[in-house]
C-alpha cells in the first residue's frame, strides 16, 4: 500500500468543479462575443441614424434660406458679424433667416443652426444664428 501513496500526490478536483470551471469560461467568452457584436451593431445604427438626421435637418434648413438674401445681408456694409451684437441684427433680413433657423430648432431641440460664409479657404465668417431667440 505504500506504493500507491506515491501515485496520488496531487490535489483531487471532482468532475463537477471541472465542469463548472469549463462552462464558466465558455459562457463568459460567448457572452463577451455577443455583447461586443450587439454593442458594435447598435452603435453603428445609432450613428447612422444621427448622421441621416443631421443631413436631413441641414438640407431642409438650407432649402428655406434664400441664398441671394443671405449674400446681400453678408455683403451689407452695415453688417459686422465680428461684434457681440452685430449692427446688422437690426436688419429685417437677419431676423427672417434667424426665424427660419429657429423654427427648425423648435422642431428638433438638439439642432442649433447657424449660417456662415467662407470668403477664402481656411476662414469662416459667422452670418446668422438661431440663438438670438
Protein backbone atom coordinates (compact mmCIF):
# COMPACT_ATOMS: atom_id res chain seq x y z
CA UNK A 1 0.00 0.00 0.00
CA UNK A 2 2.89 2.31 0.47
CA UNK A 3 3.47 2.13 -3.30
CA UNK A 4 0.03 3.62 -4.03
CA UNK A 5 0.67 6.70 -1.88
CA UNK A 6 3.29 7.99 -4.28
CA UNK A 7 0.93 7.83 -7.26
CA UNK A 8 -1.63 10.30 -5.92
CA UNK A 9 0.33 13.23 -4.56
CA UNK A 10 -1.85 15.90 -6.42
CA UNK A 11 -5.00 17.62 -5.24
CA UNK A 12 -8.22 15.88 -6.11
CA UNK A 13 -10.74 18.03 -8.05
CA UNK A 14 -14.11 16.48 -8.74
CA UNK A 15 -15.61 16.37 -12.22
CA UNK A 16 -18.36 18.74 -11.01
CA UNK A 17 -15.87 21.54 -10.28
CA UNK A 18 -14.02 20.92 -13.54
CA UNK A 19 -17.29 21.21 -15.49
CA UNK A 20 -18.31 24.36 -13.61
CA UNK A 21 -14.95 25.94 -14.36
CA UNK A 22 -15.00 24.98 -18.07
CA UNK A 23 -18.62 26.08 -18.58
CA UNK A 24 -17.96 29.36 -16.81
CA UNK A 25 -15.07 30.09 -19.17
CA UNK A 26 -17.07 29.02 -22.26
CA UNK A 27 -20.15 31.06 -21.35
CA UNK A 28 -18.06 34.08 -20.38
CA UNK A 29 -16.37 34.06 -23.77
CA UNK A 30 -19.72 33.51 -25.51
CA UNK A 31 -21.40 36.37 -23.64
CA UNK A 32 -18.45 38.65 -24.37
CA UNK A 33 -18.73 37.91 -28.10
CA UNK A 34 -22.49 38.52 -28.11
CA UNK A 35 -22.07 41.75 -26.11
CA UNK A 36 -19.36 43.02 -28.46
CA UNK A 37 -21.41 42.27 -31.57
CA UNK A 38 -24.52 43.90 -30.07
CA UNK A 39 -22.53 46.95 -28.98
CA UNK A 40 -20.93 47.42 -32.40
CA UNK A 41 -24.18 46.96 -34.33
CA UNK A 42 -26.22 49.22 -32.05
CA UNK A 43 -23.54 51.93 -32.06
CA UNK A 44 -23.28 51.80 -35.84
CA UNK A 45 -27.05 52.05 -36.24
CA UNK A 46 -27.27 54.95 -33.80
CA UNK A 47 -24.51 56.87 -35.57
CA UNK A 48 -26.07 56.19 -38.98
CA UNK A 49 -29.43 57.50 -37.74
CA UNK A 50 -27.81 60.54 -36.20
CA UNK A 51 -25.90 61.29 -39.40
CA UNK A 52 -29.06 60.88 -41.52
CA UNK A 53 -31.00 63.19 -39.20
CA UNK A 54 -28.21 65.76 -39.28
CA UNK A 55 -28.10 65.75 -43.08
CA UNK A 56 -31.90 65.94 -43.28
CA UNK A 57 -32.13 68.91 -40.91
CA UNK A 58 -29.28 70.74 -42.64
CA UNK A 59 -30.74 70.21 -46.12
CA UNK A 60 -34.26 71.24 -45.10
CA UNK A 61 -32.97 74.31 -43.27
CA UNK A 62 -30.79 75.30 -46.23
CA UNK A 63 -33.71 74.86 -48.64
CA UNK A 64 -35.68 77.51 -46.76
CA UNK A 65 -32.96 80.17 -46.86
CA UNK A 66 -32.88 82.49 -49.83
CA UNK A 67 -29.23 82.47 -50.88
CA UNK A 68 -29.42 85.90 -52.51
CA UNK A 69 -30.96 87.37 -49.36
CA UNK A 70 -28.23 85.74 -47.25
CA UNK A 71 -25.44 87.00 -49.51
CA UNK A 72 -26.96 90.52 -49.58
CA UNK A 73 -27.01 90.54 -45.77
CA UNK A 74 -23.37 89.41 -45.65
CA UNK A 75 -22.29 91.99 -48.24
CA UNK A 76 -24.11 94.85 -46.49
CA UNK A 77 -21.50 97.34 -45.17
CA UNK A 78 -23.66 97.98 -42.08
CA UNK A 79 -23.41 94.32 -41.09
CA UNK A 80 -20.45 93.29 -38.93
CA UNK A 81 -20.68 89.77 -37.61
CA UNK A 82 -17.48 90.08 -35.55
CA UNK A 83 -19.23 92.17 -32.89
CA UNK A 84 -21.11 90.66 -29.96
CA UNK A 85 -24.32 92.33 -31.14
CA UNK A 86 -23.82 92.98 -34.84
CA UNK A 87 -25.18 96.19 -36.26
CA UNK A 88 -26.83 94.14 -39.00
CA UNK A 89 -29.13 92.48 -36.49
CA UNK A 90 -31.48 95.42 -36.88
CA UNK A 91 -31.90 94.35 -40.50
CA UNK A 92 -35.13 92.53 -41.33
CA UNK A 93 -33.17 90.03 -43.49
CA UNK A 94 -31.26 88.86 -40.42
CA UNK A 95 -34.45 88.22 -38.47
CA UNK A 96 -36.09 86.46 -41.39
CA UNK A 97 -33.22 83.97 -41.69
CA UNK A 98 -32.86 83.61 -37.90
CA UNK A 99 -36.61 82.94 -37.58
CA UNK A 100 -36.39 80.22 -40.20
CA UNK A 101 -33.45 78.59 -38.38
CA UNK A 102 -35.28 78.88 -35.05
CA UNK A 103 -38.30 77.05 -36.47
CA UNK A 104 -36.03 74.06 -37.05
CA UNK A 105 -34.63 74.33 -33.54
CA UNK A 106 -38.19 74.23 -32.16
CA UNK A 107 -38.98 71.07 -34.09
CA UNK A 108 -35.61 69.48 -33.25
CA UNK A 109 -34.25 70.91 -29.96
CA UNK A 110 -30.86 69.23 -30.45
CA UNK A 111 -30.21 71.25 -33.62
CA UNK A 112 -28.51 74.61 -33.04
CA UNK A 113 -28.35 76.08 -36.51
CA UNK A 114 -26.34 79.00 -37.82
CA UNK A 115 -25.04 80.22 -41.15
CA UNK A 116 -21.59 81.24 -42.21
CA UNK A 117 -19.65 82.30 -45.27
CA UNK A 118 -16.19 81.11 -46.23
CA UNK A 119 -14.70 84.01 -48.22
CA UNK A 120 -11.39 82.22 -48.65
CA UNK A 121 -10.11 78.74 -47.83
CA UNK A 122 -9.43 78.26 -44.15
CA UNK A 123 -11.59 81.15 -42.93
CA UNK A 124 -15.18 81.13 -41.78
CA UNK A 125 -17.28 84.21 -41.03
CA UNK A 126 -20.45 83.93 -38.97
CA UNK A 127 -23.57 85.48 -40.51
CA UNK A 128 -26.81 84.42 -38.73
CA UNK A 129 -27.67 82.25 -35.72
CA UNK A 130 -30.95 80.93 -34.42
CA UNK A 131 -29.64 81.62 -30.92
CA UNK A 132 -30.94 85.20 -30.89
CA UNK A 133 -34.40 83.93 -29.94
